[in-house]
Amino acid sequence: GFGGGALIASPWSAQMLESFGSDSSGIALAFLVHGLSYAVFMLLGVLLVRVPRHAPGAPGTARQALTGPQVSANQAIRTPQFWLLWIVLCMNVTAGIGILEKAAPMITDFFADTSTPVSVTAAAGFVALLSAANMAGRIGWSSTSDLIGRKNIYRVYLGVGALMYALIALFGDSSKPLFILCALVILSFYGGGFATVPAYLKDLFGTHQVGAIHGRLLTAWSTAGVLGPLIVNWIADRQEEAGRHGASLYGLSFVIMIGLLVVGFVANELVRPVHPRHHIPAPKEAAHVQPQQSESA
């Protein structure tokens, strides 16, 4: 749904600005339509989303016992594992946004000086492909993590992601298929990283307050949402002011992204099981002895 939303909202927003105008009043009207539409769908969610009647923990059913190590949200942020995962997520998301944030102008700039420049329509199609890769990564890579483990899948996201950035930086402007393939892989890792991190948190901290822990960890996403565009846009602007153009606008940005992914890779390698001193005490089960009924002769 996350990737699908981007796939729908981007052309929808562009169409509204074309219809309403791109001045202040047109932008304001587009925001109003967005807000009213989202309000309708969110209210439908409020009416429709319910805990299944026979699910563990639902009203009228016995709550499922928590198994394995359990860590509270307040205690989790005091562990090195939380902050290592924070770095891992921040670096992975920053790398994804590094492509996604300027996808259309980036592919246009990369091949502007070639015999086959990229049209505006083709650039928009490229953005749609990235959204599809984002969706596919959330399904495919997170499912793969169930087979090979969370640490191993993040080794793929961060290690192979750095390799994809290196290939784009070195050979991306000489081959459109290579550029597109590497970008799609990076965006699939971006989506996969989001989809896998709740399970990584559950493995480390248990399910006791994993929702609250996940909420705290998503501050890494907020940070990356500032960091990624800031790096790419600022460097591209400086390179343009220096008279550079085409693929050279992004070379330094890609080197920085590779460095950030390496930092994330190292942080992932340092993740270890949470020390038992951070675990919440296991609840003591009261022994309920049922009185035995004597059989009458």
C-alpha atoms as a PDB file:
ATOM      1  CA  GLY A   1       0.000   0.000   0.000  1.00  0.00           C
ATOM      2  CA  PHE A   2       2.875   2.363   0.737  1.00  0.00           C
ATOM      3  CA  GLY A   3       4.400   1.947  -2.717  1.00  0.00           C
ATOM      4  CA  GLY A   4       0.985   1.868  -4.370  1.00  0.00           C
ATOM      5  CA  GLY A   5       0.116   5.190  -2.777  1.00  0.00           C
ATOM      6  CA  ALA A   6       3.139   6.826  -4.392  1.00  0.00           C
ATOM      7  CA  LEU A   7       2.220   5.226  -7.714  1.00  0.00           C
ATOM      8  CA  ILE A   8      -1.263   6.783  -7.563  1.00  0.00           C
ATOM      9  CA  ALA A   9      -0.605  10.094  -5.822  1.00  0.00           C
ATOM     10  CA  SER A  10       2.182  11.333  -8.111  1.00  0.00           C
ATOM     11  CA  PRO A  11       0.244  11.357 -11.427  1.00  0.00           C
ATOM     12  CA  TRP A  12      -2.943  12.383  -9.584  1.00  0.00           C
ATOM     13  CA  SER A  13      -1.189  15.438  -8.111  1.00  0.00           C
ATOM     14  CA  ALA A  14       0.298  16.343 -11.481  1.00  0.00           C
ATOM     15  CA  GLN A  15      -3.125  16.087 -13.139  1.00  0.00           C
ATOM     16  CA  MET A  16      -4.729  18.302 -10.491  1.00  0.00           C
ATOM     17  CA  LEU A  17      -2.053  20.981 -10.910  1.00  0.00           C
ATOM     18  CA  GLU A  18      -2.593  20.847 -14.664  1.00  0.00           C
ATOM     19  CA  SER A  19      -6.348  21.281 -14.166  1.00  0.00           C
ATOM     20  CA  PHE A  20      -6.341  23.795 -11.297  1.00  0.00           C
ATOM     21  CA  GLY A  21      -3.183  25.681 -12.273  1.00  0.00           C
ATOM     22  CA  SER A  22       0.248  25.700 -10.681  1.00  0.00           C
ATOM     23  CA  ASP A  23      -0.163  29.099  -9.000  1.00  0.00           C
ATOM     24  CA  SER A  24      -0.877  29.512  -5.271  1.00  0.00           C
ATOM     25  CA  SER A  25      -4.646  29.061  -5.607  1.00  0.00           C
ATOM     26  CA  GLY A  26      -4.245  25.947  -7.778  1.00  0.00           C
ATOM     27  CA  ILE A  27      -1.800  24.370  -5.321  1.00  0.00           C
ATOM     28  CA  ALA A  28      -4.106  25.216  -2.409  1.00  0.00           C
ATOM     29  CA  LEU A  29      -7.078  23.617  -4.186  1.00  0.00           C
ATOM     30  CA  ALA A  30      -5.004  20.497  -4.915  1.00  0.00           C
ATOM     31  CA  PHE A  31      -4.137  20.230  -1.210  1.00  0.00           C
ATOM     32  CA  LEU A  32      -7.820  20.629  -0.326  1.00  0.00           C
ATOM     33  CA  VAL A  33      -8.824  17.785  -2.661  1.00  0.00           C
ATOM     34  CA  HIS A  34      -6.044  15.619  -1.244  1.00  0.00           C
ATOM     35  CA  GLY A  35      -7.125  16.327   2.333  1.00  0.00           C
ATOM     36  CA  LEU A  36     -10.831  15.646   1.729  1.00  0.00           C
ATOM     37  CA  SER A  37     -10.086  12.439  -0.210  1.00  0.00           C
ATOM     38  CA  TYR A  38      -7.738  11.110   2.459  1.00  0.00           C
ATOM     39  CA  ALA A  39     -10.247  12.008   5.191  1.00  0.00           C
ATOM     40  CA  VAL A  40     -12.914   9.885   3.484  1.00  0.00           C
ATOM     41  CA  PHE A  41     -10.638   6.857   3.165  1.00  0.00           C
ATOM     42  CA  MET A  42      -9.319   7.189   6.725  1.00  0.00           C
ATOM     43  CA  LEU A  43     -12.858   7.342   8.110  1.00  0.00           C
ATOM     44  CA  LEU A  44     -13.707   4.215   6.123  1.00  0.00           C
ATOM     45  CA  GLY A  45     -10.698   2.588   7.781  1.00  0.00           C
ATOM     46  CA  VAL A  46     -11.990   3.584  11.214  1.00  0.00           C
ATOM     47  CA  LEU A  47     -15.320   1.909  10.425  1.00  0.00           C
ATOM     48  CA  LEU A  48     -13.890  -1.237   8.836  1.00  0.00           C
ATOM     49  CA  VAL A  49     -10.752  -2.168  10.799  1.00  0.00           C
ATOM     50  CA  ARG A  50     -11.545  -4.521  13.664  1.00  0.00           C
ATOM     51  CA  VAL A  51      -9.707  -7.228  15.614  1.00  0.00           C
ATOM     52  CA  PRO A  52     -10.904 -10.607  14.285  1.00  0.00           C
ATOM     53  CA  ARG A  53     -13.339 -12.238  16.735  1.00  0.00           C
ATOM     54  CA  HIS A  54     -11.287 -15.380  17.313  1.00  0.00           C
ATOM     55  CA  ALA A  55      -7.811 -13.810  17.205  1.00  0.00           C
ATOM     56  CA  PRO A  56      -5.565 -14.151  20.290  1.00  0.00           C
ATOM     57  CA  GLY A  57      -6.161 -11.140  22.494  1.00  0.00           C
ATOM     58  CA  ALA A  58      -9.562 -10.342  21.014  1.00  0.00           C
ATOM     59  CA  PRO A  59     -12.435  -9.690  23.423  1.00  0.00           C
ATOM     60  CA  GLY A  60     -13.766 -12.949  24.787  1.00  0.00           C
ATOM     61  CA  THR A  61     -10.609 -14.958  23.994  1.00  0.00           C
ATOM     62  CA  ALA A  62      -7.610 -15.935  26.065  1.00  0.00           C
ATOM     63  CA  ARG A  63      -4.637 -13.621  25.491  1.00  0.00           C
ATOM     64  CA  GLN A  64      -1.722 -15.412  23.876  1.00  0.00           C
ATOM     65  CA  ALA A  65       1.277 -15.722  26.186  1.00  0.00           C
ATOM     66  CA  LEU A  66       4.360 -13.767  25.141  1.00  0.00           C
ATOM     67  CA  THR A  67       7.310 -16.005  24.334  1.00  0.00           C
ATOM     68  CA  GLY A  68      11.016 -15.238  24.106  1.00  0.00           C
ATOM     69  CA  PRO A  69      12.840 -12.102  25.285  1.00  0.00           C
ATOM     70  CA  GLN A  70      10.554  -9.108  25.880  1.00  0.00           C
ATOM     71  CA  VAL A  71      11.786  -5.512  26.165  1.00  0.00           C
ATOM     72  CA  SER A  72       9.677  -2.433  26.898  1.00  0.00           C
ATOM     73  CA  ALA A  73       9.794   0.599  24.611  1.00  0.00           C
ATOM     74  CA  ASN A  74      11.407   2.798  27.252  1.00  0.00           C
ATOM     75  CA  GLN A  75      14.077   0.190  27.928  1.00  0.00           C
ATOM     76  CA  ALA A  76      14.658  -0.536  24.219  1.00  0.00           C
ATOM     77  CA  ILE A  77      15.921   2.982  23.504  1.00  0.00           C
ATOM     78  CA  ARG A  78      18.560   2.450  26.195  1.00  0.00           C
ATOM     79  CA  THR A  79      20.080  -0.486  24.318  1.00  0.00           C
ATOM     80  CA  PRO A  80      22.845  -0.233  21.687  1.00  0.00           C
ATOM     81  CA  GLN A  81      20.787  -2.553  19.451  1.00  0.00           C
ATOM     82  CA  PHE A  82      18.065   0.080  19.031  1.00  0.00           C
ATOM     83  CA  TRP A  83      20.517   2.777  17.960  1.00  0.00           C
ATOM     84  CA  LEU A  84      22.403   0.431  15.668  1.00  0.00           C
ATOM     85  CA  LEU A  85      19.120  -0.411  13.939  1.00  0.00           C
ATOM     86  CA  TRP A  86      18.326   3.315  13.863  1.00  0.00           C
ATOM     87  CA  ILE A  87      21.538   3.884  11.900  1.00  0.00           C
ATOM     88  CA  VAL A  88      20.820   0.907   9.638  1.00  0.00           C
ATOM     89  CA  LEU A  89      17.336   2.167   8.743  1.00  0.00           C
ATOM     90  CA  CYS A  90      18.463   5.778   8.338  1.00  0.00           C
ATOM     91  CA  MET A  91      21.291   4.851   5.976  1.00  0.00           C
ATOM     92  CA  ASN A  92      19.132   2.479   3.913  1.00  0.00           C
ATOM     93  CA  VAL A  93      16.307   5.013   3.551  1.00  0.00           C
ATOM     94  CA  THR A  94      18.699   7.868   2.732  1.00  0.00           C
ATOM     95  CA  ALA A  95      20.137   5.776  -0.100  1.00  0.00           C
ATOM     96  CA  GLY A  96      16.660   5.024  -1.463  1.00  0.00           C
ATOM     97  CA  ILE A  97      15.551   8.638  -1.301  1.00  0.00           C
ATOM     98  CA  GLY A  98      18.791   9.608  -3.034  1.00  0.00           C
ATOM     99  CA  ILE A  99      17.371   8.021  -6.191  1.00  0.00           C
ATOM    100  CA  LEU A 100      13.650   8.520  -5.623  1.00  0.00           C
ATOM    101  CA  GLU A 101      13.702  12.230  -4.744  1.00  0.00           C
ATOM    102  CA  LYS A 102      15.164  13.340  -8.108  1.00  0.00           C
ATOM    103  CA  ALA A 103      14.350  10.306 -10.222  1.00  0.00           C
ATOM    104  CA  ALA A 104      12.857  12.093 -13.240  1.00  0.00           C
ATOM    105  CA  PRO A 105      15.455  14.888 -13.599  1.00  0.00           C
ATOM    106  CA  MET A 106      18.244  12.430 -12.750  1.00  0.00           C
ATOM    107  CA  ILE A 107      17.567  10.026 -15.618  1.00  0.00           C
ATOM    108  CA  THR A 108      17.029  13.008 -17.926  1.00  0.00           C
ATOM    109  CA  ASP A 109      20.365  14.556 -16.930  1.00  0.00           C
ATOM    110  CA  PHE A 110      22.262  11.271 -17.186  1.00  0.00           C
ATOM    111  CA  PHE A 111      21.373  10.828 -20.858  1.00  0.00           C
ATOM    112  CA  ALA A 112      20.919  14.453 -21.941  1.00  0.00           C
ATOM    113  CA  ASP A 113      24.150  14.449 -23.965  1.00  0.00           C
ATOM    114  CA  THR A 114      23.609  11.065 -25.634  1.00  0.00           C
ATOM    115  CA  SER A 115      22.034  10.229 -28.976  1.00  0.00           C
ATOM    116  CA  THR A 116      18.945   8.889 -27.173  1.00  0.00           C
ATOM    117  CA  PRO A 117      17.860  11.490 -24.575  1.00  0.00           C
ATOM    118  CA  VAL A 118      15.058  10.621 -22.169  1.00  0.00           C
ATOM    119  CA  SER A 119      11.723  12.328 -22.816  1.00  0.00           C
ATOM    120  CA  VAL A 120       9.492  13.763 -20.103  1.00  0.00           C
ATOM    121  CA  THR A 121       7.007  10.917 -20.620  1.00  0.00           C
ATOM    122  CA  ALA A 122       9.737   8.288 -20.335  1.00  0.00           C
ATOM    123  CA  ALA A 123      11.055   9.939 -17.172  1.00  0.00           C
ATOM    124  CA  ALA A 124       7.565   9.781 -15.651  1.00  0.00           C
ATOM    125  CA  GLY A 125       7.406   6.100 -16.589  1.00  0.00           C
ATOM    126  CA  PHE A 126      10.736   5.577 -14.853  1.00  0.00           C
ATOM    127  CA  VAL A 127       9.278   7.067 -11.648  1.00  0.00           C
ATOM    128  CA  ALA A 128       6.321   4.676 -11.921  1.00  0.00           C
ATOM    129  CA  LEU A 129       8.733   1.757 -12.314  1.00  0.00           C
ATOM    130  CA  LEU A 130      10.546   2.836  -9.149  1.00  0.00           C
ATOM    131  CA  SER A 131       7.249   2.821  -7.245  1.00  0.00           C
ATOM    132  CA  ALA A 132       6.567  -0.693  -8.534  1.00  0.00           C
ATOM    133  CA  ALA A 133      10.049  -1.789  -7.389  1.00  0.00           C
ATOM    134  CA  ASN A 134       9.333  -0.238  -3.984  1.00  0.00           C
ATOM    135  CA  MET A 135       6.149  -2.331  -3.707  1.00  0.00           C
ATOM    136  CA  ALA A 136       7.801  -5.515  -4.963  1.00  0.00           C
ATOM    137  CA  GLY A 137      10.676  -5.116  -2.510  1.00  0.00           C
ATOM    138  CA  ARG A 138       8.296  -4.854   0.427  1.00  0.00           C
ATOM    139  CA  ILE A 139       6.790  -8.213  -0.487  1.00  0.00           C
ATOM    140  CA  GLY A 140       9.742 -10.111  -1.931  1.00  0.00           C
ATOM    141  CA  TRP A 141      12.657  -9.062   0.263  1.00  0.00           C
ATOM    142  CA  SER A 142      10.709  -9.172   3.529  1.00  0.00           C
ATOM    143  CA  SER A 143       9.579 -12.705   2.645  1.00  0.00           C
ATOM    144  CA  THR A 144      13.193 -13.616   1.883  1.00  0.00           C
ATOM    145  CA  SER A 145      14.182 -12.376   5.349  1.00  0.00           C
ATOM    146  CA  ASP A 146      11.968 -15.088   6.850  1.00  0.00           C
ATOM    147  CA  LEU A 147      14.174 -17.644   5.099  1.00  0.00           C
ATOM    148  CA  ILE A 148      17.689 -16.230   5.527  1.00  0.00           C
ATOM    149  CA  GLY A 149      17.320 -14.033   8.639  1.00  0.00           C
ATOM    150  CA  ARG A 150      17.122 -10.291   9.281  1.00  0.00           C
ATOM    151  CA  LYS A 151      20.837  -9.579   9.596  1.00  0.00           C
ATOM    152  CA  ASN A 152      21.575 -11.405   6.343  1.00  0.00           C
ATOM    153  CA  ILE A 153      18.895  -9.567   4.382  1.00  0.00           C
ATOM    154  CA  TYR A 154      20.206  -6.205   5.612  1.00  0.00           C
ATOM    155  CA  ARG A 155      23.648  -7.286   4.470  1.00  0.00           C
ATOM    156  CA  VAL A 156      22.068  -7.584   1.029  1.00  0.00           C
ATOM    157  CA  TYR A 157      20.245  -4.239   1.259  1.00  0.00           C
ATOM    158  CA  LEU A 158      23.334  -2.322   2.347  1.00  0.00           C
ATOM    159  CA  GLY A 159      26.167  -4.250   0.657  1.00  0.00           C
ATOM    160  CA  VAL A 160      24.533  -4.854  -2.717  1.00  0.00           C
ATOM    161  CA  GLY A 161      22.962  -1.385  -2.532  1.00  0.00           C
ATOM    162  CA  ALA A 162      26.440   0.153  -2.305  1.00  0.00           C
ATOM    163  CA  LEU A 163      27.494  -1.946  -5.320  1.00  0.00           C
ATOM    164  CA  MET A 164      24.468  -0.705  -7.325  1.00  0.00           C
ATOM    165  CA  TYR A 165      25.362   2.909  -6.554  1.00  0.00           C
ATOM    166  CA  ALA A 166      28.960   2.247  -7.619  1.00  0.00           C
ATOM    167  CA  LEU A 167      27.794   0.780 -10.935  1.00  0.00           C
ATOM    168  CA  ILE A 168      25.587   3.805 -11.631  1.00  0.00           C
ATOM    169  CA  ALA A 169      28.391   6.211 -10.746  1.00  0.00           C
ATOM    170  CA  LEU A 170      30.919   4.429 -12.964  1.00  0.00           C
ATOM    171  CA  PHE A 171      28.877   3.170 -15.921  1.00  0.00           C
ATOM    172  CA  GLY A 172      25.316   4.518 -15.537  1.00  0.00           C
ATOM    173  CA  ASP A 173      25.543   7.192 -18.246  1.00  0.00           C
ATOM    174  CA  SER A 174      26.769   4.659 -20.831  1.00  0.00           C
ATOM    175  CA  SER A 175      23.867   2.216 -20.526  1.00  0.00           C
ATOM    176  CA  LYS A 176      20.197   2.974 -19.919  1.00  0.00           C
ATOM    177  CA  PRO A 177      19.328  -0.646 -19.037  1.00  0.00           C
ATOM    178  CA  LEU A 178      22.122  -0.720 -16.445  1.00  0.00           C
ATOM    179  CA  PHE A 179      21.047   2.615 -14.947  1.00  0.00           C
ATOM    180  CA  ILE A 180      17.390   1.541 -14.734  1.00  0.00           C
ATOM    181  CA  LEU A 181      18.198  -1.928 -13.375  1.00  0.00           C
ATOM    182  CA  CYS A 182      20.471  -0.578 -10.622  1.00  0.00           C
ATOM    183  CA  ALA A 183      17.939   2.093  -9.665  1.00  0.00           C
ATOM    184  CA  LEU A 184      15.148  -0.506  -9.480  1.00  0.00           C
ATOM    185  CA  VAL A 185      17.261  -2.741  -7.242  1.00  0.00           C
ATOM    186  CA  ILE A 186      18.077   0.191  -4.925  1.00  0.00           C
ATOM    187  CA  LEU A 187      14.376   1.102  -4.644  1.00  0.00           C
ATOM    188  CA  SER A 188      13.435  -2.516  -4.003  1.00  0.00           C
ATOM    189  CA  PHE A 189      15.930  -2.471  -1.104  1.00  0.00           C
ATOM    190  CA  TYR A 190      14.378   0.796   0.101  1.00  0.00           C
ATOM    191  CA  GLY A 191      10.958  -0.863   0.255  1.00  0.00           C
ATOM    192  CA  GLY A 192      12.333  -4.102   1.628  1.00  0.00           C
ATOM    193  CA  GLY A 193      14.162  -2.277   4.422  1.00  0.00           C
ATOM    194  CA  PHE A 194      10.922  -0.700   5.608  1.00  0.00           C
ATOM    195  CA  ALA A 195       9.044  -3.983   5.453  1.00  0.00           C
ATOM    196  CA  THR A 196      11.704  -6.003   7.269  1.00  0.00           C
ATOM    197  CA  VAL A 197      12.570  -3.701  10.165  1.00  0.00           C
ATOM    198  CA  PRO A 198       9.440  -4.515  12.263  1.00  0.00           C
ATOM    199  CA  ALA A 199      10.399  -8.200  12.162  1.00  0.00           C
ATOM    200  CA  TYR A 200      14.003  -7.318  13.064  1.00  0.00           C
ATOM    201  CA  LEU A 201      12.667  -5.375  16.059  1.00  0.00           C
ATOM    202  CA  LYS A 202      10.449  -8.286  17.058  1.00  0.00           C
ATOM    203  CA  ASP A 203      13.400 -10.684  16.917  1.00  0.00           C
ATOM    204  CA  LEU A 204      15.474  -8.439  19.181  1.00  0.00           C
ATOM    205  CA  PHE A 205      12.895  -6.913  21.531  1.00  0.00           C
ATOM    206  CA  GLY A 206       9.917  -9.287  21.415  1.00  0.00           C
ATOM    207  CA  THR A 207       6.292  -8.363  20.783  1.00  0.00           C
ATOM    208  CA  HIS A 208       5.479  -6.783  24.167  1.00  0.00           C
ATOM    209  CA  GLN A 209       5.685  -3.160  22.912  1.00  0.00           C
ATOM    210  CA  VAL A 210       7.048  -3.647  19.406  1.00  0.00           C
ATOM    211  CA  GLY A 211       4.583  -1.109  17.976  1.00  0.00           C
ATOM    212  CA  ALA A 212       5.871   1.636  20.243  1.00  0.00           C
ATOM    213  CA  ILE A 213       9.484   0.646  19.573  1.00  0.00           C
ATOM    214  CA  HIS A 214       8.816   0.745  15.835  1.00  0.00           C
ATOM    215  CA  GLY A 215       7.334   4.227  16.196  1.00  0.00           C
ATOM    216  CA  ARG A 216      10.487   5.441  17.901  1.00  0.00           C
ATOM    217  CA  LEU A 217      12.685   3.801  15.271  1.00  0.00           C
ATOM    218  CA  LEU A 218      10.818   5.565  12.464  1.00  0.00           C
ATOM    219  CA  THR A 219      12.463   8.813  13.560  1.00  0.00           C
ATOM    220  CA  ALA A 220      15.330   7.422  11.463  1.00  0.00           C
ATOM    221  CA  TRP A 221      13.008   7.655   8.443  1.00  0.00           C
ATOM    222  CA  SER A 222      12.184  11.277   9.300  1.00  0.00           C
ATOM    223  CA  THR A 223      15.891  12.088   9.525  1.00  0.00           C
ATOM    224  CA  ALA A 224      16.594  10.345   6.218  1.00  0.00           C
ATOM    225  CA  GLY A 225      13.721  12.271   4.624  1.00  0.00           C
ATOM    226  CA  VAL A 226      15.696  15.454   5.303  1.00  0.00           C
ATOM    227  CA  LEU A 227      19.188  14.034   4.791  1.00  0.00           C
ATOM    228  CA  GLY A 228      18.650  12.333   1.410  1.00  0.00           C
ATOM    229  CA  PRO A 229      17.178  15.292  -0.537  1.00  0.00           C
ATOM    230  CA  LEU A 230      19.561  17.709   1.187  1.00  0.00           C
ATOM    231  CA  ILE A 231      22.620  15.759   0.004  1.00  0.00           C
ATOM    232  CA  VAL A 232      21.432  15.212  -3.565  1.00  0.00           C
ATOM    233  CA  ASN A 233      19.939  18.668  -4.179  1.00  0.00           C
ATOM    234  CA  TRP A 234      22.671  20.692  -2.499  1.00  0.00           C
ATOM    235  CA  ILE A 235      25.483  18.907  -4.327  1.00  0.00           C
ATOM    236  CA  ALA A 236      23.661  19.025  -7.683  1.00  0.00           C
ATOM    237  CA  ASP A 237      23.105  22.765  -7.273  1.00  0.00           C
ATOM    238  CA  ARG A 238      26.765  23.358  -6.415  1.00  0.00           C
ATOM    239  CA  GLN A 239      27.929  21.275  -9.376  1.00  0.00           C
ATOM    240  CA  GLU A 240      25.601  23.152 -11.704  1.00  0.00           C
ATOM    241  CA  GLU A 241      26.925  26.484 -10.439  1.00  0.00           C
ATOM    242  CA  ALA A 242      30.436  25.208 -11.206  1.00  0.00           C
ATOM    243  CA  GLY A 243      29.400  24.678 -14.831  1.00  0.00           C
ATOM    244  CA  ARG A 244      28.999  20.901 -14.752  1.00  0.00           C
ATOM    245  CA  HIS A 245      26.054  19.120 -16.280  1.00  0.00           C
ATOM    246  CA  GLY A 246      24.644  15.684 -17.030  1.00  0.00           C
ATOM    247  CA  ALA A 247      25.768  12.716 -14.925  1.00  0.00           C
ATOM    248  CA  SER A 248      28.553  14.761 -13.310  1.00  0.00           C
ATOM    249  CA  LEU A 249      25.910  16.573 -11.236  1.00  0.00           C
ATOM    250  CA  TYR A 250      25.391  13.434  -9.149  1.00  0.00           C
ATOM    251  CA  GLY A 251      28.780  11.738  -8.956  1.00  0.00           C
ATOM    252  CA  LEU A 252      29.721  13.129  -5.541  1.00  0.00           C
ATOM    253  CA  SER A 253      26.231  12.400  -4.187  1.00  0.00           C
ATOM    254  CA  PHE A 254      26.580   8.761  -5.170  1.00  0.00           C
ATOM    255  CA  VAL A 255      29.975   8.490  -3.492  1.00  0.00           C
ATOM    256  CA  ILE A 256      28.420   9.860  -0.288  1.00  0.00           C
ATOM    257  CA  MET A 257      25.523   7.385  -0.569  1.00  0.00           C
ATOM    258  CA  ILE A 258      28.016   4.520  -0.909  1.00  0.00           C
ATOM    259  CA  GLY A 259      29.763   5.745   2.242  1.00  0.00           C
ATOM    260  CA  LEU A 260      26.469   5.938   4.157  1.00  0.00           C
ATOM    261  CA  LEU A 261      25.546   2.405   3.092  1.00  0.00           C
ATOM    262  CA  VAL A 262      28.921   1.156   4.306  1.00  0.00           C
ATOM    263  CA  VAL A 263      28.238   2.842   7.680  1.00  0.00           C
ATOM    264  CA  GLY A 264      24.872   1.064   7.799  1.00  0.00           C
ATOM    265  CA  PHE A 265      26.510  -2.241   6.871  1.00  0.00           C
ATOM    266  CA  VAL A 266      28.966  -1.928   9.767  1.00  0.00           C
ATOM    267  CA  ALA A 267      26.154  -1.001  12.180  1.00  0.00           C
ATOM    268  CA  ASN A 268      24.210  -4.106  11.113  1.00  0.00           C
ATOM    269  CA  GLU A 269      27.264  -6.284  11.721  1.00  0.00           C
ATOM    270  CA  LEU A 270      27.493  -4.945  15.288  1.00  0.00           C
ATOM    271  CA  VAL A 271      23.921  -5.982  16.200  1.00  0.00           C
ATOM    272  CA  ARG A 272      23.851  -8.690  18.862  1.00  0.00           C
ATOM    273  CA  PRO A 273      21.033 -10.191  20.980  1.00  0.00           C
ATOM    274  CA  VAL A 274      19.761  -7.828  23.672  1.00  0.00           C
ATOM    275  CA  HIS A 275      21.361  -8.415  27.083  1.00  0.00           C
ATOM    276  CA  PRO A 276      18.969 -10.115  29.560  1.00  0.00           C
ATOM    277  CA  ARG A 277      19.274  -7.169  31.963  1.00  0.00           C
ATOM    278  CA  HIS A 278      17.030  -5.202  29.591  1.00  0.00           C
ATOM    279  CA  HIS A 279      14.306  -7.878  29.509  1.00  0.00           C
ATOM    280  CA  ILE A 280      11.083  -7.383  31.400  1.00  0.00           C
ATOM    281  CA  PRO A 281      10.585 -10.005  34.128  1.00  0.00           C
ATOM    282  CA  ALA A 282       8.568 -13.014  33.038  1.00  0.00           C
ATOM    283  CA  PRO A 283       5.124 -12.983  34.699  1.00  0.00           C
ATOM    284  CA  LYS A 284       4.788 -15.484  37.486  1.00  0.00           C
ATOM    285  CA  GLU A 285       2.045 -17.886  36.693  1.00  0.00           C
ATOM    286  CA  ALA A 286      -0.218 -18.449  39.637  1.00  0.00           C
ATOM    287  CA  ALA A 287      -0.788 -22.083  40.308  1.00  0.00           C
ATOM    288  CA  HIS A 288      -4.497 -22.635  40.313  1.00  0.00           C
ATOM    289  CA  VAL A 289      -5.134 -25.979  41.945  1.00  0.00           C
ATOM    290  CA  GLN A 290      -8.588 -27.230  41.158  1.00  0.00           C
ATOM    291  CA  PRO A 291     -10.118 -29.118  44.057  1.00  0.00           C
ATOM    292  CA  GLN A 292     -10.649 -32.732  43.170  1.00  0.00           C
ATOM    293  CA  GLN A 293     -14.162 -33.985  43.526  1.00  0.00           C
ATOM    294  CA  SER A 294     -14.427 -37.265  45.367  1.00  0.00           C
ATOM    295  CA  GLU A 295     -16.425 -39.939  43.687  1.00  0.00           C
ATOM    296  CA  SER A 296     -19.327 -41.197  45.737  1.00  0.00           C
ATOM    297  CA  ALA A 297     -19.433 -44.883  46.265  1.00  0.00           C
END
